[in-house]
Amino acid sequence: MYDHNNQVKPVLVISVDGGSEENPRYYKMYHKTIAYTTKHFKEFALNAVFIMTYAPGRLAFNRVERRMAPLSKALSGVILTYNFYGDHINSRRETEDSELEINNFEYL
């Protein structure tokens, strides 16, 4: 794990769940994953990149998912208003008024 200068070699480890929105095995995400890892590989002069995925249905073994489950349960049924001071989003679901968006966010 050390280079010729006795420094630790930098590596990047990415852990994603088995869902199609993040899984690099799905065609739609493949190009984004490659672009993301290539950019970081070059930017940080990495020696290795590892991408691991959880098999579908095995998220119970993911530490992050286990920590999020109680939070998800506590927040189920909670309704958060995004437009208390007015609607800052246009018909394409894009922010039109950044200041109004900040005010609505601070209300929460």
PDB file of N, CA and C in Angstrom:
ATOM      1  N   MET A   1       0.808  -1.205   0.000  1.00  0.00           N
ATOM      2  CA  MET A   1       0.000   0.000   0.000  1.00  0.00           C
ATOM      3  C   MET A   1       0.852   1.270   0.000  1.00  0.00           C
ATOM      4  N   TYR A   2       2.160   1.146  -0.009  1.00  0.00           N
ATOM      5  CA  TYR A   2       3.035   2.323   0.014  1.00  0.00           C
ATOM      6  C   TYR A   2       3.761   2.474  -1.313  1.00  0.00           C
ATOM      7  N   ASP A   3       4.014   3.726  -1.692  1.00  0.00           N
ATOM      8  CA  ASP A   3       4.770   3.969  -2.909  1.00  0.00           C
ATOM      9  C   ASP A   3       6.265   4.026  -2.601  1.00  0.00           C
ATOM     10  N   HIS A   4       7.061   4.394  -3.602  1.00  0.00           N
ATOM     11  CA  HIS A   4       8.518   4.424  -3.431  1.00  0.00           C
ATOM     12  C   HIS A   4       8.984   5.508  -2.454  1.00  0.00           C
ATOM     13  N   ASN A   5       8.140   6.495  -2.144  1.00  0.00           N
ATOM     14  CA  ASN A   5       8.462   7.537  -1.158  1.00  0.00           C
ATOM     15  C   ASN A   5       7.911   7.199   0.219  1.00  0.00           C
ATOM     16  N   ASN A   6       7.477   5.967   0.398  1.00  0.00           N
ATOM     17  CA  ASN A   6       6.919   5.500   1.662  1.00  0.00           C
ATOM     18  C   ASN A   6       5.635   6.242   2.055  1.00  0.00           C
ATOM     19  N   GLN A   7       4.891   6.704   1.046  1.00  0.00           N
ATOM     20  CA  GLN A   7       3.616   7.367   1.251  1.00  0.00           C
ATOM     21  C   GLN A   7       2.499   6.373   0.917  1.00  0.00           C
ATOM     22  N   VAL A   8       1.377   6.508   1.617  1.00  0.00           N
ATOM     23  CA  VAL A   8       0.236   5.640   1.334  1.00  0.00           C
ATOM     24  C   VAL A   8      -0.326   5.972  -0.042  1.00  0.00           C
ATOM     25  N   LYS A   9      -0.583   4.946  -0.840  1.00  0.00           N
ATOM     26  CA  LYS A   9      -1.143   5.150  -2.172  1.00  0.00           C
ATOM     27  C   LYS A   9      -2.616   5.523  -2.044  1.00  0.00           C
ATOM     28  N   PRO A  10      -3.048   6.578  -2.743  1.00  0.00           N
ATOM     29  CA  PRO A  10      -4.460   6.974  -2.661  1.00  0.00           C
ATOM     30  C   PRO A  10      -5.359   6.073  -3.499  1.00  0.00           C
ATOM     31  N   VAL A  11      -6.455   5.641  -2.897  1.00  0.00           N
ATOM     32  CA  VAL A  11      -7.459   4.838  -3.599  1.00  0.00           C
ATOM     33  C   VAL A  11      -8.832   5.424  -3.303  1.00  0.00           C
ATOM     34  N   LEU A  12      -9.787   5.129  -4.169  1.00  0.00           N
ATOM     35  CA  LEU A  12     -11.163   5.565  -3.985  1.00  0.00           C
ATOM     36  C   LEU A  12     -12.032   4.320  -3.962  1.00  0.00           C
ATOM     37  N   VAL A  13     -12.858   4.191  -2.919  1.00  0.00           N
ATOM     38  CA  VAL A  13     -13.787   3.086  -2.810  1.00  0.00           C
ATOM     39  C   VAL A  13     -15.188   3.681  -2.806  1.00  0.00           C
ATOM     40  N   ILE A  14     -16.018   3.254  -3.753  1.00  0.00           N
ATOM     41  CA  ILE A  14     -17.390   3.740  -3.868  1.00  0.00           C
ATOM     42  C   ILE A  14     -18.312   2.566  -3.586  1.00  0.00           C
ATOM     43  N   SER A  15     -19.219   2.763  -2.652  1.00  0.00           N
ATOM     44  CA  SER A  15     -20.197   1.733  -2.322  1.00  0.00           C
ATOM     45  C   SER A  15     -21.577   2.256  -2.696  1.00  0.00           C
ATOM     46  N   VAL A  16     -22.273   1.536  -3.569  1.00  0.00           N
ATOM     47  CA  VAL A  16     -23.614   1.939  -3.991  1.00  0.00           C
ATOM     48  C   VAL A  16     -24.585   0.803  -3.734  1.00  0.00           C
ATOM     49  N   ASP A  17     -25.860   1.152  -3.598  1.00  0.00           N
ATOM     50  CA  ASP A  17     -26.846   0.095  -3.393  1.00  0.00           C
ATOM     51  C   ASP A  17     -27.177  -0.564  -4.728  1.00  0.00           C
ATOM     52  N   GLY A  18     -28.007  -1.566  -4.694  1.00  0.00           N
ATOM     53  CA  GLY A  18     -28.325  -2.315  -5.903  1.00  0.00           C
ATOM     54  C   GLY A  18     -29.406  -1.694  -6.753  1.00  0.00           C
ATOM     55  N   GLY A  19     -29.909  -0.518  -6.379  1.00  0.00           N
ATOM     56  CA  GLY A  19     -30.975   0.125  -7.137  1.00  0.00           C
ATOM     57  C   GLY A  19     -30.508   0.665  -8.468  1.00  0.00           C
ATOM     58  N   SER A  20     -31.428   0.780  -9.407  1.00  0.00           N
ATOM     59  CA  SER A  20     -31.060   1.204 -10.765  1.00  0.00           C
ATOM     60  C   SER A  20     -30.610   2.655 -10.841  1.00  0.00           C
ATOM     61  N   GLU A  21     -30.951   3.486  -9.832  1.00  0.00           N
ATOM     62  CA  GLU A  21     -30.572   4.901  -9.913  1.00  0.00           C
ATOM     63  C   GLU A  21     -29.106   5.137  -9.596  1.00  0.00           C
ATOM     64  N   GLU A  22     -28.416   4.172  -9.002  1.00  0.00           N
ATOM     65  CA  GLU A  22     -27.005   4.347  -8.655  1.00  0.00           C
ATOM     66  C   GLU A  22     -26.111   3.235  -9.179  1.00  0.00           C
ATOM     67  N   ASN A  23     -26.685   2.114  -9.511  1.00  0.00           N
ATOM     68  CA  ASN A  23     -25.927   0.922  -9.841  1.00  0.00           C
ATOM     69  C   ASN A  23     -25.201   1.081 -11.169  1.00  0.00           C
ATOM     70  N   PRO A  24     -23.880   0.959 -11.179  1.00  0.00           N
ATOM     71  CA  PRO A  24     -23.124   1.143 -12.422  1.00  0.00           C
ATOM     72  C   PRO A  24     -23.352   0.042 -13.446  1.00  0.00           C
ATOM     73  N   ARG A  25     -24.001  -1.062 -13.062  1.00  0.00           N
ATOM     74  CA  ARG A  25     -24.264  -2.136 -14.016  1.00  0.00           C
ATOM     75  C   ARG A  25     -25.436  -1.804 -14.937  1.00  0.00           C
ATOM     76  N   TYR A  26     -26.226  -0.822 -14.580  1.00  0.00           N
ATOM     77  CA  TYR A  26     -27.345  -0.420 -15.423  1.00  0.00           C
ATOM     78  C   TYR A  26     -26.848   0.547 -16.491  1.00  0.00           C
ATOM     79  N   TYR A  27     -27.313   0.369 -17.698  1.00  0.00           N
ATOM     80  CA  TYR A  27     -26.809   1.135 -18.837  1.00  0.00           C
ATOM     81  C   TYR A  27     -26.866   2.640 -18.621  1.00  0.00           C
ATOM     82  N   LYS A  28     -27.996   3.146 -18.099  1.00  0.00           N
ATOM     83  CA  LYS A  28     -28.156   4.596 -17.934  1.00  0.00           C
ATOM     84  C   LYS A  28     -27.100   5.167 -16.994  1.00  0.00           C
ATOM     85  N   MET A  29     -26.706   4.406 -15.969  1.00  0.00           N
ATOM     86  CA  MET A  29     -25.750   4.913 -14.990  1.00  0.00           C
ATOM     87  C   MET A  29     -24.308   4.613 -15.385  1.00  0.00           C
ATOM     88  N   TYR A  30     -24.092   3.699 -16.317  1.00  0.00           N
ATOM     89  CA  TYR A  30     -22.745   3.281 -16.677  1.00  0.00           C
ATOM     90  C   TYR A  30     -21.875   4.458 -17.107  1.00  0.00           C
ATOM     91  N   HIS A  31     -22.380   5.281 -18.013  1.00  0.00           N
ATOM     92  CA  HIS A  31     -21.591   6.407 -18.528  1.00  0.00           C
ATOM     93  C   HIS A  31     -21.332   7.452 -17.449  1.00  0.00           C
ATOM     94  N   LYS A  32     -22.324   7.708 -16.608  1.00  0.00           N
ATOM     95  CA  LYS A  32     -22.132   8.667 -15.522  1.00  0.00           C
ATOM     96  C   LYS A  32     -21.100   8.148 -14.526  1.00  0.00           C
ATOM     97  N   THR A  33     -21.155   6.872 -14.224  1.00  0.00           N
ATOM     98  CA  THR A  33     -20.209   6.282 -13.280  1.00  0.00           C
ATOM     99  C   THR A  33     -18.796   6.346 -13.825  1.00  0.00           C
ATOM    100  N   ILE A  34     -18.623   5.997 -15.079  1.00  0.00           N
ATOM    101  CA  ILE A  34     -17.295   6.051 -15.707  1.00  0.00           C
ATOM    102  C   ILE A  34     -16.770   7.482 -15.715  1.00  0.00           C
ATOM    103  N   ALA A  35     -17.611   8.446 -16.084  1.00  0.00           N
ATOM    104  CA  ALA A  35     -17.188   9.850 -16.120  1.00  0.00           C
ATOM    105  C   ALA A  35     -16.796  10.338 -14.721  1.00  0.00           C
ATOM    106  N   TYR A  36     -17.597   9.998 -13.729  1.00  0.00           N
ATOM    107  CA  TYR A  36     -17.332  10.408 -12.347  1.00  0.00           C
ATOM    108  C   TYR A  36     -16.008   9.823 -11.848  1.00  0.00           C
ATOM    109  N   THR A  37     -15.824   8.525 -12.042  1.00  0.00           N
ATOM    110  CA  THR A  37     -14.612   7.894 -11.520  1.00  0.00           C
ATOM    111  C   THR A  37     -13.370   8.342 -12.285  1.00  0.00           C
ATOM    112  N   THR A  38     -13.494   8.533 -13.590  1.00  0.00           N
ATOM    113  CA  THR A  38     -12.353   9.016 -14.371  1.00  0.00           C
ATOM    114  C   THR A  38     -11.928  10.403 -13.923  1.00  0.00           C
ATOM    115  N   LYS A  39     -12.910  11.270 -13.712  1.00  0.00           N
ATOM    116  CA  LYS A  39     -12.625  12.635 -13.262  1.00  0.00           C
ATOM    117  C   LYS A  39     -11.880  12.616 -11.922  1.00  0.00           C
ATOM    118  N   HIS A  40     -12.375  11.828 -10.985  1.00  0.00           N
ATOM    119  CA  HIS A  40     -11.735  11.774  -9.672  1.00  0.00           C
ATOM    120  C   HIS A  40     -10.393  11.032  -9.712  1.00  0.00           C
ATOM    121  N   PHE A  41     -10.287  10.035 -10.563  1.00  0.00           N
ATOM    122  CA  PHE A  41      -9.024   9.317 -10.711  1.00  0.00           C
ATOM    123  C   PHE A  41      -7.914  10.271 -11.141  1.00  0.00           C
ATOM    124  N   LYS A  42      -8.226  11.122 -12.113  1.00  0.00           N
ATOM    125  CA  LYS A  42      -7.244  12.092 -12.599  1.00  0.00           C
ATOM    126  C   LYS A  42      -7.017  13.219 -11.593  1.00  0.00           C
ATOM    127  N   GLU A  43      -8.099  13.773 -11.070  1.00  0.00           N
ATOM    128  CA  GLU A  43      -8.011  14.934 -10.178  1.00  0.00           C
ATOM    129  C   GLU A  43      -7.197  14.642  -8.918  1.00  0.00           C
ATOM    130  N   PHE A  44      -7.372  13.458  -8.347  1.00  0.00           N
ATOM    131  CA  PHE A  44      -6.691  13.131  -7.097  1.00  0.00           C
ATOM    132  C   PHE A  44      -5.496  12.199  -7.284  1.00  0.00           C
ATOM    133  N   ALA A  45      -5.095  11.967  -8.541  1.00  0.00           N
ATOM    134  CA  ALA A  45      -3.960  11.102  -8.867  1.00  0.00           C
ATOM    135  C   ALA A  45      -4.056   9.780  -8.103  1.00  0.00           C
ATOM    136  N   LEU A  46      -5.187   9.124  -8.263  1.00  0.00           N
ATOM    137  CA  LEU A  46      -5.430   7.882  -7.534  1.00  0.00           C
ATOM    138  C   LEU A  46      -4.664   6.719  -8.152  1.00  0.00           C
ATOM    139  N   ASN A  47      -4.401   5.722  -7.326  1.00  0.00           N
ATOM    140  CA  ASN A  47      -3.764   4.499  -7.819  1.00  0.00           C
ATOM    141  C   ASN A  47      -4.785   3.420  -8.139  1.00  0.00           C
ATOM    142  N   ALA A  48      -5.957   3.500  -7.531  1.00  0.00           N
ATOM    143  CA  ALA A  48      -6.982   2.488  -7.779  1.00  0.00           C
ATOM    144  C   ALA A  48      -8.364   3.051  -7.466  1.00  0.00           C
ATOM    145  N   VAL A  49      -9.376   2.514  -8.145  1.00  0.00           N
ATOM    146  CA  VAL A  49     -10.768   2.839  -7.887  1.00  0.00           C
ATOM    147  C   VAL A  49     -11.525   1.515  -7.780  1.00  0.00           C
ATOM    148  N   PHE A  50     -12.302   1.373  -6.709  1.00  0.00           N
ATOM    149  CA  PHE A  50     -13.122   0.180  -6.517  1.00  0.00           C
ATOM    150  C   PHE A  50     -14.571   0.629  -6.391  1.00  0.00           C
ATOM    151  N   ILE A  51     -15.449  -0.010  -7.141  1.00  0.00           N
ATOM    152  CA  ILE A  51     -16.880   0.275  -7.040  1.00  0.00           C
ATOM    153  C   ILE A  51     -17.556  -1.024  -6.637  1.00  0.00           C
ATOM    154  N   MET A  52     -18.206  -0.992  -5.480  1.00  0.00           N
ATOM    155  CA  MET A  52     -18.900  -2.199  -5.050  1.00  0.00           C
ATOM    156  C   MET A  52     -20.378  -1.909  -4.943  1.00  0.00           C
ATOM    157  N   THR A  53     -21.173  -2.900  -5.268  1.00  0.00           N
ATOM    158  CA  THR A  53     -22.616  -2.754  -5.204  1.00  0.00           C
ATOM    159  C   THR A  53     -23.200  -3.870  -4.341  1.00  0.00           C
ATOM    160  N   TYR A  54     -24.309  -3.566  -3.740  1.00  0.00           N
ATOM    161  CA  TYR A  54     -25.048  -4.570  -2.990  1.00  0.00           C
ATOM    162  C   TYR A  54     -26.013  -5.254  -3.947  1.00  0.00           C
ATOM    163  N   ALA A  55     -26.158  -6.534  -3.784  1.00  0.00           N
ATOM    164  CA  ALA A  55     -27.107  -7.272  -4.613  1.00  0.00           C
ATOM    165  C   ALA A  55     -28.520  -6.814  -4.274  1.00  0.00           C
ATOM    166  N   PRO A  56     -29.414  -6.783  -5.251  1.00  0.00           N
ATOM    167  CA  PRO A  56     -30.799  -6.394  -4.963  1.00  0.00           C
ATOM    168  C   PRO A  56     -31.381  -7.273  -3.851  1.00  0.00           C
ATOM    169  N   GLY A  57     -32.060  -6.632  -2.932  1.00  0.00           N
ATOM    170  CA  GLY A  57     -32.668  -7.344  -1.816  1.00  0.00           C
ATOM    171  C   GLY A  57     -31.736  -7.570  -0.645  1.00  0.00           C
ATOM    172  N   ARG A  58     -30.483  -7.107  -0.754  1.00  0.00           N
ATOM    173  CA  ARG A  58     -29.510  -7.331   0.312  1.00  0.00           C
ATOM    174  C   ARG A  58     -29.139  -6.031   1.023  1.00  0.00           C
ATOM    175  N   LEU A  59     -29.960  -5.006   0.899  1.00  0.00           N
ATOM    176  CA  LEU A  59     -29.652  -3.718   1.509  1.00  0.00           C
ATOM    177  C   LEU A  59     -29.661  -3.766   3.033  1.00  0.00           C
ATOM    178  N   ALA A  60     -30.250  -4.785   3.601  1.00  0.00           N
ATOM    179  CA  ALA A  60     -30.271  -4.897   5.065  1.00  0.00           C
ATOM    180  C   ALA A  60     -28.864  -4.996   5.621  1.00  0.00           C
ATOM    181  N   PHE A  61     -27.908  -5.384   4.798  1.00  0.00           N
ATOM    182  CA  PHE A  61     -26.528  -5.523   5.251  1.00  0.00           C
ATOM    183  C   PHE A  61     -25.709  -4.247   5.049  1.00  0.00           C
ATOM    184  N   ASN A  62     -26.296  -3.251   4.416  1.00  0.00           N
ATOM    185  CA  ASN A  62     -25.639  -1.970   4.190  1.00  0.00           C
ATOM    186  C   ASN A  62     -25.754  -1.130   5.463  1.00  0.00           C
ATOM    187  N   ARG A  63     -24.605  -0.727   6.028  1.00  0.00           N
ATOM    188  CA  ARG A  63     -24.608   0.026   7.288  1.00  0.00           C
ATOM    189  C   ARG A  63     -25.384   1.334   7.197  1.00  0.00           C
ATOM    190  N   VAL A  64     -25.263   2.022   6.083  1.00  0.00           N
ATOM    191  CA  VAL A  64     -25.973   3.293   5.919  1.00  0.00           C
ATOM    192  C   VAL A  64     -27.478   3.057   5.906  1.00  0.00           C
ATOM    193  N   GLU A  65     -27.917   2.051   5.165  1.00  0.00           N
ATOM    194  CA  GLU A  65     -29.351   1.747   5.112  1.00  0.00           C
ATOM    195  C   GLU A  65     -29.883   1.373   6.489  1.00  0.00           C
ATOM    196  N   ARG A  66     -29.111   0.632   7.263  1.00  0.00           N
ATOM    197  CA  ARG A  66     -29.552   0.249   8.607  1.00  0.00           C
ATOM    198  C   ARG A  66     -29.686   1.467   9.500  1.00  0.00           C
ATOM    199  N   ARG A  67     -28.814   2.429   9.349  1.00  0.00           N
ATOM    200  CA  ARG A  67     -28.886   3.657  10.158  1.00  0.00           C
ATOM    201  C   ARG A  67     -30.036   4.558   9.727  1.00  0.00           C
ATOM    202  N   MET A  68     -30.374   4.509   8.453  1.00  0.00           N
ATOM    203  CA  MET A  68     -31.435   5.364   7.932  1.00  0.00           C
ATOM    204  C   MET A  68     -32.833   4.827   8.228  1.00  0.00           C
ATOM    205  N   ALA A  69     -32.954   3.527   8.446  1.00  0.00           N
ATOM    206  CA  ALA A  69     -34.277   2.914   8.636  1.00  0.00           C
ATOM    207  C   ALA A  69     -35.057   3.540   9.794  1.00  0.00           C
ATOM    208  N   PRO A  70     -34.455   3.726  10.996  1.00  0.00           N
ATOM    209  CA  PRO A  70     -35.225   4.363  12.076  1.00  0.00           C
ATOM    210  C   PRO A  70     -35.641   5.793  11.731  1.00  0.00           C
ATOM    211  N   LEU A  71     -34.782   6.517  11.026  1.00  0.00           N
ATOM    212  CA  LEU A  71     -35.103   7.881  10.622  1.00  0.00           C
ATOM    213  C   LEU A  71     -36.255   7.880   9.624  1.00  0.00           C
ATOM    214  N   SER A  72     -36.214   6.964   8.671  1.00  0.00           N
ATOM    215  CA  SER A  72     -37.300   6.863   7.689  1.00  0.00           C
ATOM    216  C   SER A  72     -38.620   6.552   8.376  1.00  0.00           C
ATOM    217  N   LYS A  73     -38.577   5.668   9.351  1.00  0.00           N
ATOM    218  CA  LYS A  73     -39.797   5.307  10.065  1.00  0.00           C
ATOM    219  C   LYS A  73     -40.340   6.512  10.833  1.00  0.00           C
ATOM    220  N   ALA A  74     -39.441   7.248  11.493  1.00  0.00           N
ATOM    221  CA  ALA A  74     -39.865   8.419  12.271  1.00  0.00           C
ATOM    222  C   ALA A  74     -40.445   9.515  11.382  1.00  0.00           C
ATOM    223  N   LEU A  75     -39.938   9.624  10.165  1.00  0.00           N
ATOM    224  CA  LEU A  75     -40.391  10.681   9.262  1.00  0.00           C
ATOM    225  C   LEU A  75     -41.555  10.266   8.364  1.00  0.00           C
ATOM    226  N   SER A  76     -41.953   9.015   8.408  1.00  0.00           N
ATOM    227  CA  SER A  76     -43.060   8.588   7.547  1.00  0.00           C
ATOM    228  C   SER A  76     -44.338   9.307   7.976  1.00  0.00           C
ATOM    229  N   GLY A  77     -45.028   9.848   7.012  1.00  0.00           N
ATOM    230  CA  GLY A  77     -46.255  10.585   7.288  1.00  0.00           C
ATOM    231  C   GLY A  77     -46.037  12.068   7.542  1.00  0.00           C
ATOM    232  N   VAL A  78     -44.786  12.513   7.665  1.00  0.00           N
ATOM    233  CA  VAL A  78     -44.494  13.930   7.877  1.00  0.00           C
ATOM    234  C   VAL A  78     -44.603  14.659   6.546  1.00  0.00           C
ATOM    235  N   ILE A  79     -45.325  15.754   6.542  1.00  0.00           N
ATOM    236  CA  ILE A  79     -45.485  16.549   5.326  1.00  0.00           C
ATOM    237  C   ILE A  79     -44.694  17.839   5.492  1.00  0.00           C
ATOM    238  N   LEU A  80     -43.752  18.057   4.590  1.00  0.00           N
ATOM    239  CA  LEU A  80     -42.937  19.264   4.606  1.00  0.00           C
ATOM    240  C   LEU A  80     -43.417  20.184   3.495  1.00  0.00           C
ATOM    241  N   THR A  81     -43.806  21.375   3.850  1.00  0.00           N
ATOM    242  CA  THR A  81     -44.260  22.322   2.832  1.00  0.00           C
ATOM    243  C   THR A  81     -43.057  22.982   2.176  1.00  0.00           C
ATOM    244  N   TYR A  82     -43.041  23.007   0.868  1.00  0.00           N
ATOM    245  CA  TYR A  82     -41.929  23.610   0.147  1.00  0.00           C
ATOM    246  C   TYR A  82     -42.257  25.035  -0.300  1.00  0.00           C
ATOM    247  N   ASN A  83     -43.515  25.458  -0.131  1.00  0.00           N
ATOM    248  CA  ASN A  83     -43.925  26.762  -0.667  1.00  0.00           C
ATOM    249  C   ASN A  83     -44.692  27.586   0.375  1.00  0.00           C
ATOM    250  N   PHE A  84     -44.215  27.589   1.606  1.00  0.00           N
ATOM    251  CA  PHE A  84     -44.907  28.320   2.667  1.00  0.00           C
ATOM    252  C   PHE A  84     -45.037  29.809   2.324  1.00  0.00           C
ATOM    253  N   TYR A  85     -43.958  30.406   1.806  1.00  0.00           N
ATOM    254  CA  TYR A  85     -43.966  31.832   1.476  1.00  0.00           C
ATOM    255  C   TYR A  85     -44.317  32.090   0.010  1.00  0.00           C
ATOM    256  N   GLY A  86     -44.566  31.047  -0.746  1.00  0.00           N
ATOM    257  CA  GLY A  86     -44.884  31.189  -2.164  1.00  0.00           C
ATOM    258  C   GLY A  86     -44.143  30.146  -2.972  1.00  0.00           C
ATOM    259  N   ASP A  87     -44.594  29.927  -4.188  1.00  0.00           N
ATOM    260  CA  ASP A  87     -44.005  28.905  -5.035  1.00  0.00           C
ATOM    261  C   ASP A  87     -42.796  29.479  -5.767  1.00  0.00           C
ATOM    262  N   HIS A  88     -41.641  28.867  -5.584  1.00  0.00           N
ATOM    263  CA  HIS A  88     -40.407  29.315  -6.228  1.00  0.00           C
ATOM    264  C   HIS A  88     -40.018  28.401  -7.389  1.00  0.00           C
ATOM    265  N   ILE A  89     -40.891  27.430  -7.712  1.00  0.00           N
ATOM    266  CA  ILE A  89     -40.592  26.436  -8.732  1.00  0.00           C
ATOM    267  C   ILE A  89     -41.509  26.647  -9.936  1.00  0.00           C
ATOM    268  N   ASN A  90     -40.935  26.569 -11.145  1.00  0.00           N
ATOM    269  CA  ASN A  90     -41.745  26.731 -12.352  1.00  0.00           C
ATOM    270  C   ASN A  90     -42.361  25.399 -12.772  1.00  0.00           C
ATOM    271  N   SER A  91     -43.043  25.384 -13.913  1.00  0.00           N
ATOM    272  CA  SER A  91     -43.756  24.182 -14.365  1.00  0.00           C
ATOM    273  C   SER A  91     -42.806  23.032 -14.726  1.00  0.00           C
ATOM    274  N   ARG A  92     -41.532  23.333 -14.990  1.00  0.00           N
ATOM    275  CA  ARG A  92     -40.553  22.287 -15.295  1.00  0.00           C
ATOM    276  C   ARG A  92     -39.827  21.818 -14.037  1.00  0.00           C
ATOM    277  N   ARG A  93     -40.327  22.234 -12.875  1.00  0.00           N
ATOM    278  CA  ARG A  93     -39.777  21.871 -11.564  1.00  0.00           C
ATOM    279  C   ARG A  93     -38.361  22.420 -11.363  1.00  0.00           C
ATOM    280  N   GLU A  94     -38.108  23.611 -11.914  1.00  0.00           N
ATOM    281  CA  GLU A  94     -36.835  24.296 -11.756  1.00  0.00           C
ATOM    282  C   GLU A  94     -37.046  25.519 -10.879  1.00  0.00           C
ATOM    283  N   THR A  95     -36.048  25.871 -10.096  1.00  0.00           N
ATOM    284  CA  THR A  95     -36.138  27.037  -9.224  1.00  0.00           C
ATOM    285  C   THR A  95     -36.115  28.311 -10.049  1.00  0.00           C
ATOM    286  N   GLU A  96     -37.113  29.157  -9.834  1.00  0.00           N
ATOM    287  CA  GLU A  96     -37.173  30.455 -10.504  1.00  0.00           C
ATOM    288  C   GLU A  96     -36.694  31.570  -9.595  1.00  0.00           C
ATOM    289  N   ASP A  97     -36.985  31.462  -8.290  1.00  0.00           N
ATOM    290  CA  ASP A  97     -36.667  32.517  -7.337  1.00  0.00           C
ATOM    291  C   ASP A  97     -35.818  31.932  -6.208  1.00  0.00           C
ATOM    292  N   SER A  98     -34.500  32.142  -6.280  1.00  0.00           N
ATOM    293  CA  SER A  98     -33.578  31.558  -5.298  1.00  0.00           C
ATOM    294  C   SER A  98     -33.797  32.109  -3.898  1.00  0.00           C
ATOM    295  N   GLU A  99     -34.090  33.390  -3.787  1.00  0.00           N
ATOM    296  CA  GLU A  99     -34.307  33.997  -2.471  1.00  0.00           C
ATOM    297  C   GLU A  99     -35.565  33.416  -1.803  1.00  0.00           C
ATOM    298  N   LEU A 100     -36.613  33.256  -2.573  1.00  0.00           N
ATOM    299  CA  LEU A 100     -37.840  32.664  -2.063  1.00  0.00           C
ATOM    300  C   LEU A 100     -37.610  31.198  -1.675  1.00  0.00           C
ATOM    301  N   GLU A 101     -36.787  30.502  -2.440  1.00  0.00           N
ATOM    302  CA  GLU A 101     -36.449  29.115  -2.117  1.00  0.00           C
ATOM    303  C   GLU A 101     -35.738  29.039  -0.765  1.00  0.00           C
ATOM    304  N   ILE A 102     -34.817  29.943  -0.527  1.00  0.00           N
ATOM    305  CA  ILE A 102     -34.095  29.985   0.753  1.00  0.00           C
ATOM    306  C   ILE A 102     -35.053  30.283   1.888  1.00  0.00           C
ATOM    307  N   ASN A 103     -35.950  31.233   1.704  1.00  0.00           N
ATOM    308  CA  ASN A 103     -36.936  31.554   2.743  1.00  0.00           C
ATOM    309  C   ASN A 103     -37.819  30.339   3.060  1.00  0.00           C
ATOM    310  N   ASN A 104     -38.282  29.640   2.012  1.00  0.00           N
ATOM    311  CA  ASN A 104     -39.091  28.447   2.229  1.00  0.00           C
ATOM    312  C   ASN A 104     -38.288  27.362   2.955  1.00  0.00           C
ATOM    313  N   PHE A 105     -37.037  27.200   2.602  1.00  0.00           N
ATOM    314  CA  PHE A 105     -36.198  26.193   3.251  1.00  0.00           C
ATOM    315  C   PHE A 105     -35.970  26.535   4.722  1.00  0.00           C
ATOM    316  N   GLU A 106     -35.730  27.817   5.011  1.00  0.00           N
ATOM    317  CA  GLU A 106     -35.496  28.233   6.390  1.00  0.00           C
ATOM    318  C   GLU A 106     -36.750  28.071   7.244  1.00  0.00           C
ATOM    319  N   TYR A 107     -37.915  28.112   6.633  1.00  0.00           N
ATOM    320  CA  TYR A 107     -39.163  27.918   7.383  1.00  0.00           C
ATOM    321  C   TYR A 107     -39.227  26.532   8.013  1.00  0.00           C
ATOM    322  N   LEU A 108     -38.664  25.537   7.308  1.00  0.00           N
ATOM    323  CA  LEU A 108     -38.687  24.167   7.806  1.00  0.00           C
ATOM    324  C   LEU A 108     -37.897  24.101   9.077  1.00  0.00           C
TER     325      LEU A 108
END
